[in-house]
Amino acid sequence: MERRFNKGAAIDEVLTPDGLRRGDQLYIRDGIIVVLRRKTGGGLDRYWLDGEIDLSTRRFSERSARAFVVRR
């Protein structure tokens, strides 16, 4: 996941579900979730998600089978 979403560099930051913001992008693989968040002025911050979430709620919009966006 780090190779794909962070050019092989370690992702050191962790978010809980309560820390998700509108527009955050979630990518899932083997039960692991990486969160990408756009920074003001460009670029992305990357986080591991630590905690349970229900992706079937209206809070999330499905982009593909393993990609979601936080709606609210």
C-alpha atoms as a PDB file:
ATOM      1  CA  MET A   1       0.000   0.000   0.000  1.00  0.00           C
ATOM      2  CA  GLU A   2       2.820   2.403   0.792  1.00  0.00           C
ATOM      3  CA  ARG A   3       4.432   1.639  -2.546  1.00  0.00           C
ATOM      4  CA  ARG A   4       1.229   2.425  -4.394  1.00  0.00           C
ATOM      5  CA  PHE A   5       0.008   5.441  -2.443  1.00  0.00           C
ATOM      6  CA  ASN A   6       3.203   7.022  -1.091  1.00  0.00           C
ATOM      7  CA  LYS A   7       5.935   6.204  -3.632  1.00  0.00           C
ATOM      8  CA  GLY A   8       7.335   3.518  -1.324  1.00  0.00           C
ATOM      9  CA  ALA A   9       7.831   5.861   1.632  1.00  0.00           C
ATOM     10  CA  ALA A  10       6.389   4.966   5.023  1.00  0.00           C
ATOM     11  CA  ILE A  11       2.985   6.277   5.999  1.00  0.00           C
ATOM     12  CA  ASP A  12       3.505   7.270   9.632  1.00  0.00           C
ATOM     13  CA  GLU A  13       0.305   9.129  10.486  1.00  0.00           C
ATOM     14  CA  VAL A  14      -2.846   7.419  11.793  1.00  0.00           C
ATOM     15  CA  LEU A  15      -6.473   8.611  11.795  1.00  0.00           C
ATOM     16  CA  THR A  16      -9.482   7.268  13.657  1.00  0.00           C
ATOM     17  CA  PRO A  17     -12.896   7.255  11.994  1.00  0.00           C
ATOM     18  CA  ASP A  18     -13.850  10.381  13.980  1.00  0.00           C
ATOM     19  CA  GLY A  19     -10.961  12.222  12.304  1.00  0.00           C
ATOM     20  CA  LEU A  20     -12.251  11.716   8.762  1.00  0.00           C
ATOM     21  CA  ARG A  21     -13.218  14.859   6.859  1.00  0.00           C
ATOM     22  CA  ARG A  22     -15.408  15.546   3.881  1.00  0.00           C
ATOM     23  CA  GLY A  23     -13.466  14.826   0.691  1.00  0.00           C
ATOM     24  CA  ASP A  24     -11.057  12.305   2.238  1.00  0.00           C
ATOM     25  CA  GLN A  25     -10.404   9.408  -0.116  1.00  0.00           C
ATOM     26  CA  LEU A  26     -10.301   5.879   1.326  1.00  0.00           C
ATOM     27  CA  TYR A  27      -8.588   2.982  -0.437  1.00  0.00           C
ATOM     28  CA  ILE A  28      -9.034  -0.540   0.892  1.00  0.00           C
ATOM     29  CA  ARG A  29      -6.940  -3.638   0.399  1.00  0.00           C
ATOM     30  CA  ASP A  30      -7.022  -6.801   2.507  1.00  0.00           C
ATOM     31  CA  GLY A  31      -8.887  -5.003   5.284  1.00  0.00           C
ATOM     32  CA  ILE A  32      -6.326  -2.201   5.484  1.00  0.00           C
ATOM     33  CA  ILE A  33      -7.463   1.353   4.719  1.00  0.00           C
ATOM     34  CA  VAL A  34      -5.290   4.217   3.493  1.00  0.00           C
ATOM     35  CA  VAL A  35      -6.746   7.727   3.688  1.00  0.00           C
ATOM     36  CA  LEU A  36      -5.632  10.415   1.231  1.00  0.00           C
ATOM     37  CA  ARG A  37      -6.416  14.017   2.133  1.00  0.00           C
ATOM     38  CA  ARG A  38      -5.806  17.010  -0.120  1.00  0.00           C
ATOM     39  CA  LYS A  39      -3.679  19.746   1.416  1.00  0.00           C
ATOM     40  CA  THR A  40      -4.439  23.424   0.989  1.00  0.00           C
ATOM     41  CA  GLY A  41      -2.242  24.584  -1.867  1.00  0.00           C
ATOM     42  CA  GLY A  42      -1.914  21.116  -3.408  1.00  0.00           C
ATOM     43  CA  GLY A  43      -0.397  17.786  -2.536  1.00  0.00           C
ATOM     44  CA  LEU A  44      -1.727  14.968  -0.389  1.00  0.00           C
ATOM     45  CA  ASP A  45      -1.414  13.838   3.190  1.00  0.00           C
ATOM     46  CA  ARG A  46      -1.609  10.086   3.765  1.00  0.00           C
ATOM     47  CA  TYR A  47      -2.837   8.203   6.830  1.00  0.00           C
ATOM     48  CA  TRP A  48      -3.651   4.695   8.002  1.00  0.00           C
ATOM     49  CA  LEU A  49      -7.206   4.371   9.299  1.00  0.00           C
ATOM     50  CA  ASP A  50      -7.372   2.762  12.744  1.00  0.00           C
ATOM     51  CA  GLY A  51     -10.867   1.682  13.754  1.00  0.00           C
ATOM     52  CA  GLU A  52     -14.086   0.244  12.413  1.00  0.00           C
ATOM     53  CA  ILE A  53     -16.236   2.043   9.837  1.00  0.00           C
ATOM     54  CA  ASP A  54     -19.403   1.134   7.967  1.00  0.00           C
ATOM     55  CA  LEU A  55     -18.847   2.025   4.336  1.00  0.00           C
ATOM     56  CA  SER A  56     -22.479   1.281   3.463  1.00  0.00           C
ATOM     57  CA  THR A  57     -23.733   4.414   5.237  1.00  0.00           C
ATOM     58  CA  ARG A  58     -24.639   7.627   3.444  1.00  0.00           C
ATOM     59  CA  ARG A  59     -21.493   9.220   4.866  1.00  0.00           C
ATOM     60  CA  PHE A  60     -19.441   7.495   2.149  1.00  0.00           C
ATOM     61  CA  SER A  61     -19.689   7.530  -1.628  1.00  0.00           C
ATOM     62  CA  GLU A  62     -18.361   4.483  -3.475  1.00  0.00           C
ATOM     63  CA  ARG A  63     -15.980   5.227  -6.348  1.00  0.00           C
ATOM     64  CA  SER A  64     -15.102   1.585  -7.036  1.00  0.00           C
ATOM     65  CA  ALA A  65     -15.144  -1.727  -5.173  1.00  0.00           C
ATOM     66  CA  ARG A  66     -12.177  -0.615  -3.049  1.00  0.00           C
ATOM     67  CA  ALA A  67     -12.328   3.195  -3.168  1.00  0.00           C
ATOM     68  CA  PHE A  68     -14.617   5.544  -1.262  1.00  0.00           C
ATOM     69  CA  VAL A  69     -14.942   9.277  -0.589  1.00  0.00           C
ATOM     70  CA  VAL A  70     -16.200  10.828   2.639  1.00  0.00           C
ATOM     71  CA  ARG A  71     -19.346  12.795   1.798  1.00  0.00           C
ATOM     72  CA  ARG A  72     -19.943  14.460   5.159  1.00  0.00           C
END
